[in-house]
Amino acid sequence: MFVKLPEGGSLPEISRFFGIIIRMFFDEHDPPHFHAEYQGHKGVFDFNGNIIRGNLNSKTATRLVREWIDLRINELQEDWELAKSGKEVKKIAPLE
Protein backbone atom coordinates (compact mmCIF):
# COMPACT_ATOMS: atom_id res chain seq x y z
CA MET A 1 0.00 0.00 0.00
CA PHE A 2 2.90 2.38 0.62
CA VAL A 3 5.77 3.43 -1.62
CA LYS A 4 8.89 4.44 0.29
CA LEU A 5 10.48 7.70 -0.71
CA PRO A 6 14.22 8.32 -0.45
CA GLU A 7 13.60 10.60 2.55
CA GLY A 8 11.73 7.78 4.30
CA GLY A 9 8.25 9.31 3.88
CA SER A 10 5.27 7.48 2.42
CA LEU A 11 2.86 8.15 -0.39
CA PRO A 12 -0.28 6.24 0.52
CA GLU A 13 -3.01 6.00 -2.07
CA ILE A 14 -6.30 6.73 -0.34
CA SER A 15 -8.64 6.43 -3.33
CA ARG A 16 -8.77 5.70 -7.05
CA PHE A 17 -11.61 6.32 -9.48
CA PHE A 18 -12.00 6.87 -13.22
CA GLY A 19 -8.21 6.81 -13.65
CA ILE A 20 -7.68 9.45 -10.94
CA ILE A 21 -5.33 8.56 -8.09
CA ILE A 22 -5.69 10.37 -4.76
CA ARG A 23 -2.80 10.37 -2.27
CA MET A 24 -2.13 11.93 1.09
CA PHE A 25 1.40 12.19 2.44
CA PHE A 26 2.44 11.54 6.02
CA ASP A 27 3.64 14.45 8.16
CA GLU A 28 1.66 16.91 6.05
CA HIS A 29 1.66 20.67 6.50
CA ASP A 30 -1.30 23.05 6.59
CA PRO A 31 -3.52 23.95 4.85
CA PRO A 32 -5.33 20.59 4.60
CA HIS A 33 -4.84 19.16 1.12
CA PHE A 34 -4.30 16.02 -0.94
CA HIS A 35 -2.51 15.11 -4.15
CA ALA A 36 -4.37 13.98 -7.26
CA GLU A 37 -2.90 12.44 -10.41
CA TYR A 38 -4.58 11.87 -13.76
CA GLN A 39 -2.83 10.66 -16.92
CA GLY A 40 0.56 11.79 -15.64
CA HIS A 41 -0.61 15.25 -14.58
CA LYS A 42 -0.60 16.18 -10.91
CA GLY A 43 -2.49 18.68 -8.84
CA VAL A 44 -2.76 19.53 -5.17
CA PHE A 45 -6.31 20.28 -3.96
CA ASP A 46 -7.51 21.85 -0.75
CA PHE A 47 -10.65 20.46 0.86
CA ASN A 48 -12.77 23.16 -0.82
CA GLY A 49 -11.80 21.84 -4.25
CA ASN A 50 -9.38 24.64 -5.08
CA ILE A 51 -6.21 23.69 -6.94
CA ILE A 52 -3.31 24.89 -4.80
CA ARG A 53 -0.54 23.71 -7.12
CA GLY A 54 -0.27 21.91 -10.44
CA ASN A 55 -3.07 21.02 -12.82
CA LEU A 56 -4.77 17.78 -13.88
CA ASN A 57 -5.12 19.23 -17.41
CA SER A 58 -8.64 17.83 -17.59
CA LYS A 59 -11.77 19.78 -16.69
CA THR A 60 -13.65 16.50 -16.33
CA ALA A 61 -11.09 14.97 -13.94
CA THR A 62 -11.02 18.20 -11.90
CA ARG A 63 -14.83 18.20 -11.70
CA LEU A 64 -14.84 14.54 -10.60
CA VAL A 65 -12.28 15.26 -7.87
CA ARG A 66 -14.44 18.13 -6.63
CA GLU A 67 -17.54 15.90 -6.57
CA TRP A 68 -15.57 13.30 -4.61
CA ILE A 69 -14.49 15.94 -2.07
CA ASP A 70 -18.12 16.97 -1.51
CA LEU A 71 -19.09 13.36 -0.81
CA ARG A 72 -16.06 12.42 1.30
CA ILE A 73 -15.15 15.59 3.21
CA ASN A 74 -15.51 14.00 6.66
CA GLU A 75 -13.26 11.09 5.73
CA LEU A 76 -10.72 13.48 4.19
CA GLN A 77 -10.61 15.50 7.39
CA GLU A 78 -10.14 12.33 9.43
CA ASP A 79 -7.30 11.18 7.17
CA TRP A 80 -5.74 14.66 7.39
CA GLU A 81 -5.55 14.42 11.17
CA LEU A 82 -4.00 10.95 10.90
CA ALA A 83 -1.46 12.13 8.30
CA LYS A 84 -0.49 15.20 10.34
CA SER A 85 0.28 13.00 13.32
CA GLY A 86 2.31 10.57 11.18
CA LYS A 87 -0.23 7.77 11.42
CA GLU A 88 -1.48 5.47 8.69
CA VAL A 89 -4.32 7.00 6.68
CA LYS A 90 -7.41 5.04 5.72
CA LYS A 91 -8.74 4.21 2.26
CA ILE A 92 -11.67 6.36 1.18
CA ALA A 93 -14.43 5.05 -1.08
CA PRO A 94 -14.11 6.11 -4.72
CA LEU A 95 -16.58 8.17 -6.71
CA GLU A 96 -19.00 5.79 -8.38
PDB file of N, CA and C in Angstrom:
ATOM      1  N   MET A   1       0.813  -1.191   0.000  1.00  0.00           N
ATOM      2  CA  MET A   1       0.000   0.000   0.000  1.00  0.00           C
ATOM      3  C   MET A   1       0.859   1.258   0.000  1.00  0.00           C
ATOM      4  N   PHE A   2       2.065   1.203   0.526  1.00  0.00           N
ATOM      5  CA  PHE A   2       2.904   2.384   0.621  1.00  0.00           C
ATOM      6  C   PHE A   2       4.134   2.245  -0.265  1.00  0.00           C
ATOM      7  N   VAL A   3       4.547   3.363  -0.827  1.00  0.00           N
ATOM      8  CA  VAL A   3       5.768   3.433  -1.617  1.00  0.00           C
ATOM      9  C   VAL A   3       6.749   4.262  -0.810  1.00  0.00           C
ATOM     10  N   LYS A   4       7.892   3.701  -0.499  1.00  0.00           N
ATOM     11  CA  LYS A   4       8.887   4.435   0.293  1.00  0.00           C
ATOM     12  C   LYS A   4       9.605   5.455  -0.580  1.00  0.00           C
ATOM     13  N   LEU A   5       9.733   6.639  -0.055  1.00  0.00           N
ATOM     14  CA  LEU A   5      10.476   7.700  -0.709  1.00  0.00           C
ATOM     15  C   LEU A   5      11.910   7.690  -0.198  1.00  0.00           C
ATOM     16  N   PRO A   6      12.844   8.268  -0.928  1.00  0.00           N
ATOM     17  CA  PRO A   6      14.221   8.324  -0.454  1.00  0.00           C
ATOM     18  C   PRO A   6      14.359   8.945   0.924  1.00  0.00           C
ATOM     19  N   GLU A   7      13.519   9.939   1.248  1.00  0.00           N
ATOM     20  CA  GLU A   7      13.604  10.601   2.548  1.00  0.00           C
ATOM     21  C   GLU A   7      12.970   9.753   3.650  1.00  0.00           C
ATOM     22  N   GLY A   8      12.346   8.642   3.303  1.00  0.00           N
ATOM     23  CA  GLY A   8      11.729   7.783   4.296  1.00  0.00           C
ATOM     24  C   GLY A   8      10.252   8.052   4.507  1.00  0.00           C
ATOM     25  N   GLY A   9       9.681   9.035   3.774  1.00  0.00           N
ATOM     26  CA  GLY A   9       8.250   9.311   3.877  1.00  0.00           C
ATOM     27  C   GLY A   9       7.442   8.289   3.103  1.00  0.00           C
ATOM     28  N   SER A  10       6.143   8.405   3.125  1.00  0.00           N
ATOM     29  CA  SER A  10       5.274   7.482   2.416  1.00  0.00           C
ATOM     30  C   SER A  10       4.286   8.243   1.561  1.00  0.00           C
ATOM     31  N   LEU A  11       3.806   7.584   0.548  1.00  0.00           N
ATOM     32  CA  LEU A  11       2.857   8.154  -0.390  1.00  0.00           C
ATOM     33  C   LEU A  11       1.641   7.249  -0.460  1.00  0.00           C
ATOM     34  N   PRO A  12       0.836   7.159   0.577  1.00  0.00           N
ATOM     35  CA  PRO A  12      -0.276   6.236   0.520  1.00  0.00           C
ATOM     36  C   PRO A  12      -1.377   6.696  -0.433  1.00  0.00           C
ATOM     37  N   GLU A  13      -1.874   5.748  -1.186  1.00  0.00           N
ATOM     38  CA  GLU A  13      -3.011   6.000  -2.065  1.00  0.00           C
ATOM     39  C   GLU A  13      -4.264   5.822  -1.228  1.00  0.00           C
ATOM     40  N   ILE A  14      -5.095   6.847  -1.168  1.00  0.00           N
ATOM     41  CA  ILE A  14      -6.298   6.730  -0.343  1.00  0.00           C
ATOM     42  C   ILE A  14      -7.546   6.451  -1.166  1.00  0.00           C
ATOM     43  N   SER A  15      -7.496   6.727  -2.480  1.00  0.00           N
ATOM     44  CA  SER A  15      -8.644   6.427  -3.330  1.00  0.00           C
ATOM     45  C   SER A  15      -8.216   6.426  -4.788  1.00  0.00           C
ATOM     46  N   ARG A  16      -9.030   5.754  -5.600  1.00  0.00           N
ATOM     47  CA  ARG A  16      -8.768   5.701  -7.045  1.00  0.00           C
ATOM     48  C   ARG A  16     -10.115   5.540  -7.739  1.00  0.00           C
ATOM     49  N   PHE A  17     -10.361   6.406  -8.721  1.00  0.00           N
ATOM     50  CA  PHE A  17     -11.611   6.322  -9.478  1.00  0.00           C
ATOM     51  C   PHE A  17     -11.437   6.976 -10.836  1.00  0.00           C
ATOM     52  N   PHE A  18     -12.022   6.355 -11.853  1.00  0.00           N
ATOM     53  CA  PHE A  18     -11.997   6.870 -13.220  1.00  0.00           C
ATOM     54  C   PHE A  18     -10.591   7.278 -13.675  1.00  0.00           C
ATOM     55  N   GLY A  19      -9.585   6.530 -13.262  1.00  0.00           N
ATOM     56  CA  GLY A  19      -8.206   6.813 -13.645  1.00  0.00           C
ATOM     57  C   GLY A  19      -7.521   7.889 -12.816  1.00  0.00           C
ATOM     58  N   ILE A  20      -8.218   8.411 -11.818  1.00  0.00           N
ATOM     59  CA  ILE A  20      -7.675   9.454 -10.944  1.00  0.00           C
ATOM     60  C   ILE A  20      -7.149   8.789  -9.675  1.00  0.00           C
ATOM     61  N   ILE A  21      -5.933   9.112  -9.299  1.00  0.00           N
ATOM     62  CA  ILE A  21      -5.328   8.562  -8.089  1.00  0.00           C
ATOM     63  C   ILE A  21      -5.231   9.682  -7.056  1.00  0.00           C
ATOM     64  N   ILE A  22      -5.713   9.393  -5.852  1.00  0.00           N
ATOM     65  CA  ILE A  22      -5.691  10.367  -4.759  1.00  0.00           C
ATOM     66  C   ILE A  22      -4.720   9.865  -3.700  1.00  0.00           C
ATOM     67  N   ARG A  23      -3.789  10.727  -3.288  1.00  0.00           N
ATOM     68  CA  ARG A  23      -2.798  10.370  -2.270  1.00  0.00           C
ATOM     69  C   ARG A  23      -2.753  11.443  -1.191  1.00  0.00           C
ATOM     70  N   MET A  24      -2.364  10.988  -0.002  1.00  0.00           N
ATOM     71  CA  MET A  24      -2.134  11.934   1.088  1.00  0.00           C
ATOM     72  C   MET A  24      -0.834  11.521   1.771  1.00  0.00           C
ATOM     73  N   PHE A  25       0.096  12.453   1.868  1.00  0.00           N
ATOM     74  CA  PHE A  25       1.396  12.192   2.445  1.00  0.00           C
ATOM     75  C   PHE A  25       1.340  12.175   3.966  1.00  0.00           C
ATOM     76  N   PHE A  26       2.289  11.485   4.571  1.00  0.00           N
ATOM     77  CA  PHE A  26       2.444  11.537   6.019  1.00  0.00           C
ATOM     78  C   PHE A  26       3.172  12.817   6.396  1.00  0.00           C
ATOM     79  N   ASP A  27       3.003  13.238   7.639  1.00  0.00           N
ATOM     80  CA  ASP A  27       3.638  14.448   8.162  1.00  0.00           C
ATOM     81  C   ASP A  27       3.330  15.655   7.285  1.00  0.00           C
ATOM     82  N   GLU A  28       2.076  15.814   6.918  1.00  0.00           N
ATOM     83  CA  GLU A  28       1.656  16.905   6.047  1.00  0.00           C
ATOM     84  C   GLU A  28       1.680  18.252   6.778  1.00  0.00           C
ATOM     85  N   HIS A  29       1.656  19.299   5.997  1.00  0.00           N
ATOM     86  CA  HIS A  29       1.664  20.673   6.503  1.00  0.00           C
ATOM     87  C   HIS A  29       0.334  21.329   6.123  1.00  0.00           C
ATOM     88  N   ASP A  30      -0.073  22.317   6.904  1.00  0.00           N
ATOM     89  CA  ASP A  30      -1.299  23.052   6.593  1.00  0.00           C
ATOM     90  C   ASP A  30      -1.093  23.908   5.365  1.00  0.00           C
ATOM     91  N   PRO A  31      -2.113  24.255   4.625  1.00  0.00           N
ATOM     92  CA  PRO A  31      -3.517  23.946   4.846  1.00  0.00           C
ATOM     93  C   PRO A  31      -3.826  22.501   4.453  1.00  0.00           C
ATOM     94  N   PRO A  32      -4.938  21.954   4.958  1.00  0.00           N
ATOM     95  CA  PRO A  32      -5.331  20.590   4.600  1.00  0.00           C
ATOM     96  C   PRO A  32      -5.441  20.434   3.084  1.00  0.00           C
ATOM     97  N   HIS A  33      -4.844  19.380   2.562  1.00  0.00           N
ATOM     98  CA  HIS A  33      -4.842  19.158   1.117  1.00  0.00           C
ATOM     99  C   HIS A  33      -4.531  17.698   0.807  1.00  0.00           C
ATOM    100  N   PHE A  34      -4.694  17.338  -0.459  1.00  0.00           N
ATOM    101  CA  PHE A  34      -4.302  16.016  -0.943  1.00  0.00           C
ATOM    102  C   PHE A  34      -3.759  16.169  -2.359  1.00  0.00           C
ATOM    103  N   HIS A  35      -3.144  15.123  -2.840  1.00  0.00           N
ATOM    104  CA  HIS A  35      -2.512  15.113  -4.149  1.00  0.00           C
ATOM    105  C   HIS A  35      -3.335  14.231  -5.076  1.00  0.00           C
ATOM    106  N   ALA A  36      -3.621  14.734  -6.271  1.00  0.00           N
ATOM    107  CA  ALA A  36      -4.372  13.976  -7.264  1.00  0.00           C
ATOM    108  C   ALA A  36      -3.525  13.844  -8.522  1.00  0.00           C
ATOM    109  N   GLU A  37      -3.641  12.689  -9.173  1.00  0.00           N
ATOM    110  CA  GLU A  37      -2.905  12.444 -10.408  1.00  0.00           C
ATOM    111  C   GLU A  37      -3.864  11.861 -11.436  1.00  0.00           C
ATOM    112  N   TYR A  38      -3.746  12.367 -12.660  1.00  0.00           N
ATOM    113  CA  TYR A  38      -4.575  11.872 -13.758  1.00  0.00           C
ATOM    114  C   TYR A  38      -3.769  11.926 -15.040  1.00  0.00           C
ATOM    115  N   GLN A  39      -3.577  10.779 -15.653  1.00  0.00           N
ATOM    116  CA  GLN A  39      -2.834  10.660 -16.916  1.00  0.00           C
ATOM    117  C   GLN A  39      -1.487  11.382 -16.874  1.00  0.00           C
ATOM    118  N   GLY A  40      -0.773  11.215 -15.776  1.00  0.00           N
ATOM    119  CA  GLY A  40       0.557  11.788 -15.641  1.00  0.00           C
ATOM    120  C   GLY A  40       0.599  13.232 -15.184  1.00  0.00           C
ATOM    121  N   HIS A  41      -0.544  13.864 -15.070  1.00  0.00           N
ATOM    122  CA  HIS A  41      -0.610  15.247 -14.583  1.00  0.00           C
ATOM    123  C   HIS A  41      -0.974  15.228 -13.113  1.00  0.00           C
ATOM    124  N   LYS A  42      -0.405  16.162 -12.355  1.00  0.00           N
ATOM    125  CA  LYS A  42      -0.603  16.182 -10.909  1.00  0.00           C
ATOM    126  C   LYS A  42      -1.117  17.533 -10.448  1.00  0.00           C
ATOM    127  N   GLY A  43      -1.969  17.464  -9.440  1.00  0.00           N
ATOM    128  CA  GLY A  43      -2.491  18.681  -8.836  1.00  0.00           C
ATOM    129  C   GLY A  43      -2.664  18.479  -7.345  1.00  0.00           C
ATOM    130  N   VAL A  44      -2.545  19.556  -6.612  1.00  0.00           N
ATOM    131  CA  VAL A  44      -2.763  19.535  -5.168  1.00  0.00           C
ATOM    132  C   VAL A  44      -4.042  20.318  -4.916  1.00  0.00           C
ATOM    133  N   PHE A  45      -5.001  19.688  -4.227  1.00  0.00           N
ATOM    134  CA  PHE A  45      -6.305  20.280  -3.958  1.00  0.00           C
ATOM    135  C   PHE A  45      -6.471  20.537  -2.472  1.00  0.00           C
ATOM    136  N   ASP A  46      -7.096  21.668  -2.136  1.00  0.00           N
ATOM    137  CA  ASP A  46      -7.507  21.850  -0.753  1.00  0.00           C
ATOM    138  C   ASP A  46      -8.869  21.175  -0.587  1.00  0.00           C
ATOM    139  N   PHE A  47      -9.406  21.178   0.607  1.00  0.00           N
ATOM    140  CA  PHE A  47     -10.647  20.461   0.864  1.00  0.00           C
ATOM    141  C   PHE A  47     -11.884  21.215   0.379  1.00  0.00           C
ATOM    142  N   ASN A  48     -11.678  22.407  -0.181  1.00  0.00           N
ATOM    143  CA  ASN A  48     -12.767  23.156  -0.816  1.00  0.00           C
ATOM    144  C   ASN A  48     -12.801  22.923  -2.322  1.00  0.00           C
ATOM    145  N   GLY A  49     -11.847  22.132  -2.821  1.00  0.00           N
ATOM    146  CA  GLY A  49     -11.795  21.845  -4.250  1.00  0.00           C
ATOM    147  C   GLY A  49     -10.950  22.795  -5.054  1.00  0.00           C
ATOM    148  N   ASN A  50     -10.271  23.714  -4.382  1.00  0.00           N
ATOM    149  CA  ASN A  50      -9.376  24.638  -5.081  1.00  0.00           C
ATOM    150  C   ASN A  50      -8.064  23.944  -5.403  1.00  0.00           C
ATOM    151  N   ILE A  51      -7.516  24.231  -6.575  1.00  0.00           N
ATOM    152  CA  ILE A  51      -6.213  23.691  -6.942  1.00  0.00           C
ATOM    153  C   ILE A  51      -5.153  24.634  -6.376  1.00  0.00           C
ATOM    154  N   ILE A  52      -4.357  24.108  -5.459  1.00  0.00           N
ATOM    155  CA  ILE A  52      -3.312  24.895  -4.802  1.00  0.00           C
ATOM    156  C   ILE A  52      -2.056  24.952  -5.670  1.00  0.00           C
ATOM    157  N   ARG A  53      -1.763  23.826  -6.324  1.00  0.00           N
ATOM    158  CA  ARG A  53      -0.542  23.715  -7.115  1.00  0.00           C
ATOM    159  C   ARG A  53      -0.768  22.674  -8.200  1.00  0.00           C
ATOM    160  N   GLY A  54      -0.161  22.867  -9.353  1.00  0.00           N
ATOM    161  CA  GLY A  54      -0.266  21.907 -10.438  1.00  0.00           C
ATOM    162  C   GLY A  54      -1.569  22.040 -11.199  1.00  0.00           C
ATOM    163  N   ASN A  55      -1.869  21.013 -11.994  1.00  0.00           N
ATOM    164  CA  ASN A  55      -3.070  21.017 -12.820  1.00  0.00           C
ATOM    165  C   ASN A  55      -3.269  19.613 -13.377  1.00  0.00           C
ATOM    166  N   LEU A  56      -4.491  19.104 -13.327  1.00  0.00           N
ATOM    167  CA  LEU A  56      -4.768  17.780 -13.884  1.00  0.00           C
ATOM    168  C   LEU A  56      -4.920  17.828 -15.401  1.00  0.00           C
ATOM    169  N   ASN A  57      -4.971  19.030 -15.962  1.00  0.00           N
ATOM    170  CA  ASN A  57      -5.121  19.234 -17.407  1.00  0.00           C
ATOM    171  C   ASN A  57      -6.354  18.559 -17.974  1.00  0.00           C
ATOM    172  N   SER A  58      -7.376  18.400 -17.154  1.00  0.00           N
ATOM    173  CA  SER A  58      -8.642  17.831 -17.594  1.00  0.00           C
ATOM    174  C   SER A  58      -9.753  18.456 -16.752  1.00  0.00           C
ATOM    175  N   LYS A  59     -10.651  19.178 -17.412  1.00  0.00           N
ATOM    176  CA  LYS A  59     -11.774  19.776 -16.687  1.00  0.00           C
ATOM    177  C   LYS A  59     -12.662  18.693 -16.095  1.00  0.00           C
ATOM    178  N   THR A  60     -12.817  17.589 -16.821  1.00  0.00           N
ATOM    179  CA  THR A  60     -13.653  16.496 -16.329  1.00  0.00           C
ATOM    180  C   THR A  60     -13.047  15.862 -15.090  1.00  0.00           C
ATOM    181  N   ALA A  61     -11.748  15.572 -15.108  1.00  0.00           N
ATOM    182  CA  ALA A  61     -11.086  14.974 -13.941  1.00  0.00           C
ATOM    183  C   ALA A  61     -11.156  15.928 -12.750  1.00  0.00           C
ATOM    184  N   THR A  62     -10.951  17.204 -12.983  1.00  0.00           N
ATOM    185  CA  THR A  62     -11.020  18.199 -11.904  1.00  0.00           C
ATOM    186  C   THR A  62     -12.430  18.239 -11.315  1.00  0.00           C
ATOM    187  N   ARG A  63     -13.441  18.203 -12.170  1.00  0.00           N
ATOM    188  CA  ARG A  63     -14.832  18.197 -11.700  1.00  0.00           C
ATOM    189  C   ARG A  63     -15.121  16.937 -10.887  1.00  0.00           C
ATOM    190  N   LEU A  64     -14.623  15.791 -11.328  1.00  0.00           N
ATOM    191  CA  LEU A  64     -14.836  14.539 -10.598  1.00  0.00           C
ATOM    192  C   LEU A  64     -14.158  14.574  -9.226  1.00  0.00           C
ATOM    193  N   VAL A  65     -12.966  15.136  -9.162  1.00  0.00           N
ATOM    194  CA  VAL A  65     -12.279  15.259  -7.874  1.00  0.00           C
ATOM    195  C   VAL A  65     -13.101  16.143  -6.943  1.00  0.00           C
ATOM    196  N   ARG A  66     -13.637  17.224  -7.455  1.00  0.00           N
ATOM    197  CA  ARG A  66     -14.438  18.129  -6.627  1.00  0.00           C
ATOM    198  C   ARG A  66     -15.727  17.458  -6.143  1.00  0.00           C
ATOM    199  N   GLU A  67     -16.355  16.653  -6.995  1.00  0.00           N
ATOM    200  CA  GLU A  67     -17.544  15.896  -6.571  1.00  0.00           C
ATOM    201  C   GLU A  67     -17.177  14.920  -5.458  1.00  0.00           C
ATOM    202  N   TRP A  68     -16.038  14.262  -5.609  1.00  0.00           N
ATOM    203  CA  TRP A  68     -15.573  13.301  -4.613  1.00  0.00           C
ATOM    204  C   TRP A  68     -15.332  13.992  -3.269  1.00  0.00           C
ATOM    205  N   ILE A  69     -14.721  15.175  -3.298  1.00  0.00           N
ATOM    206  CA  ILE A  69     -14.488  15.939  -2.065  1.00  0.00           C
ATOM    207  C   ILE A  69     -15.817  16.196  -1.357  1.00  0.00           C
ATOM    208  N   ASP A  70     -16.821  16.658  -2.113  1.00  0.00           N
ATOM    209  CA  ASP A  70     -18.120  16.970  -1.512  1.00  0.00           C
ATOM    210  C   ASP A  70     -18.719  15.754  -0.812  1.00  0.00           C
ATOM    211  N   LEU A  71     -18.537  14.583  -1.383  1.00  0.00           N
ATOM    212  CA  LEU A  71     -19.095  13.356  -0.808  1.00  0.00           C
ATOM    213  C   LEU A  71     -18.269  12.807   0.348  1.00  0.00           C
ATOM    214  N   ARG A  72     -16.978  13.083   0.365  1.00  0.00           N
ATOM    215  CA  ARG A  72     -16.064  12.422   1.297  1.00  0.00           C
ATOM    216  C   ARG A  72     -15.331  13.377   2.235  1.00  0.00           C
ATOM    217  N   ILE A  73     -15.857  14.576   2.423  1.00  0.00           N
ATOM    218  CA  ILE A  73     -15.149  15.588   3.206  1.00  0.00           C
ATOM    219  C   ILE A  73     -14.844  15.119   4.628  1.00  0.00           C
ATOM    220  N   ASN A  74     -15.766  14.447   5.286  1.00  0.00           N
ATOM    221  CA  ASN A  74     -15.512  14.001   6.656  1.00  0.00           C
ATOM    222  C   ASN A  74     -14.375  12.988   6.721  1.00  0.00           C
ATOM    223  N   GLU A  75     -14.337  12.075   5.764  1.00  0.00           N
ATOM    224  CA  GLU A  75     -13.262  11.086   5.730  1.00  0.00           C
ATOM    225  C   GLU A  75     -11.921  11.738   5.394  1.00  0.00           C
ATOM    226  N   LEU A  76     -11.943  12.735   4.511  1.00  0.00           N
ATOM    227  CA  LEU A  76     -10.720  13.478   4.190  1.00  0.00           C
ATOM    228  C   LEU A  76     -10.171  14.173   5.428  1.00  0.00           C
ATOM    229  N   GLN A  77     -11.059  14.800   6.181  1.00  0.00           N
ATOM    230  CA  GLN A  77     -10.614  15.499   7.390  1.00  0.00           C
ATOM    231  C   GLN A  77     -10.046  14.518   8.413  1.00  0.00           C
ATOM    232  N   GLU A  78     -10.662  13.351   8.517  1.00  0.00           N
ATOM    233  CA  GLU A  78     -10.144  12.328   9.433  1.00  0.00           C
ATOM    234  C   GLU A  78      -8.755  11.857   8.988  1.00  0.00           C
ATOM    235  N   ASP A  79      -8.609  11.594   7.690  1.00  0.00           N
ATOM    236  CA  ASP A  79      -7.298  11.175   7.173  1.00  0.00           C
ATOM    237  C   ASP A  79      -6.257  12.276   7.365  1.00  0.00           C
ATOM    238  N   TRP A  80      -6.671  13.546   7.204  1.00  0.00           N
ATOM    239  CA  TRP A  80      -5.744  14.665   7.387  1.00  0.00           C
ATOM    240  C   TRP A  80      -5.162  14.654   8.796  1.00  0.00           C
ATOM    241  N   GLU A  81      -6.020  14.456   9.775  1.00  0.00           N
ATOM    242  CA  GLU A  81      -5.554  14.419  11.166  1.00  0.00           C
ATOM    243  C   GLU A  81      -4.599  13.248  11.396  1.00  0.00           C
ATOM    244  N   LEU A  82      -4.904  12.110  10.795  1.00  0.00           N
ATOM    245  CA  LEU A  82      -4.003  10.951  10.902  1.00  0.00           C
ATOM    246  C   LEU A  82      -2.653  11.262  10.249  1.00  0.00           C
ATOM    247  N   ALA A  83      -2.696  11.833   9.042  1.00  0.00           N
ATOM    248  CA  ALA A  83      -1.459  12.132   8.305  1.00  0.00           C
ATOM    249  C   ALA A  83      -0.601  13.145   9.058  1.00  0.00           C
ATOM    250  N   LYS A  84      -1.236  14.177   9.604  1.00  0.00           N
ATOM    251  CA  LYS A  84      -0.487  15.199  10.337  1.00  0.00           C
ATOM    252  C   LYS A  84       0.241  14.617  11.546  1.00  0.00           C
ATOM    253  N   SER A  85      -0.351  13.596  12.140  1.00  0.00           N
ATOM    254  CA  SER A  85       0.277  12.997  13.315  1.00  0.00           C
ATOM    255  C   SER A  85       1.175  11.815  12.943  1.00  0.00           C
ATOM    256  N   GLY A  86       1.398  11.622  11.635  1.00  0.00           N
ATOM    257  CA  GLY A  86       2.309  10.572  11.182  1.00  0.00           C
ATOM    258  C   GLY A  86       1.732   9.179  11.240  1.00  0.00           C
ATOM    259  N   LYS A  87       0.411   9.077  11.345  1.00  0.00           N
ATOM    260  CA  LYS A  87      -0.235   7.770  11.422  1.00  0.00           C
ATOM    261  C   LYS A  87      -0.714   7.315  10.047  1.00  0.00           C
ATOM    262  N   GLU A  88      -1.019   6.051   9.943  1.00  0.00           N
ATOM    263  CA  GLU A  88      -1.485   5.472   8.688  1.00  0.00           C
ATOM    264  C   GLU A  88      -2.871   6.015   8.354  1.00  0.00           C
ATOM    265  N   VAL A  89      -3.023   6.505   7.124  1.00  0.00           N
ATOM    266  CA  VAL A  89      -4.320   7.000   6.676  1.00  0.00           C
ATOM    267  C   VAL A  89      -5.171   5.832   6.200  1.00  0.00           C
ATOM    268  N   LYS A  90      -6.470   6.074   6.111  1.00  0.00           N
ATOM    269  CA  LYS A  90      -7.408   5.040   5.717  1.00  0.00           C
ATOM    270  C   LYS A  90      -7.805   5.216   4.259  1.00  0.00           C
ATOM    271  N   LYS A  91      -8.192   4.130   3.622  1.00  0.00           N
ATOM    272  CA  LYS A  91      -8.742   4.207   2.259  1.00  0.00           C
ATOM    273  C   LYS A  91     -10.088   4.919   2.330  1.00  0.00           C
ATOM    274  N   ILE A  92     -10.393   5.662   1.281  1.00  0.00           N
ATOM    275  CA  ILE A  92     -11.666   6.357   1.175  1.00  0.00           C
ATOM    276  C   ILE A  92     -12.359   5.847  -0.072  1.00  0.00           C
ATOM    277  N   ALA A  93     -13.659   5.597   0.041  1.00  0.00           N
ATOM    278  CA  ALA A  93     -14.425   5.049  -1.076  1.00  0.00           C
ATOM    279  C   ALA A  93     -14.295   5.950  -2.308  1.00  0.00           C
ATOM    280  N   PRO A  94     -14.235   5.329  -3.473  1.00  0.00           N
ATOM    281  CA  PRO A  94     -14.115   6.106  -4.720  1.00  0.00           C
ATOM    282  C   PRO A  94     -15.448   6.743  -5.116  1.00  0.00           C
ATOM    283  N   LEU A  95     -15.389   7.613  -6.083  1.00  0.00           N
ATOM    284  CA  LEU A  95     -16.580   8.168  -6.711  1.00  0.00           C
ATOM    285  C   LEU A  95     -17.122   7.085  -7.626  1.00  0.00           C
ATOM    286  N   GLU A  96     -18.406   6.857  -7.547  1.00  0.00           N
ATOM    287  CA  GLU A  96     -18.997   5.791  -8.385  1.00  0.00           C
ATOM    288  C   GLU A  96     -19.910   6.359  -9.433  1.00  0.00           C
TER     289      GLU A  96
END
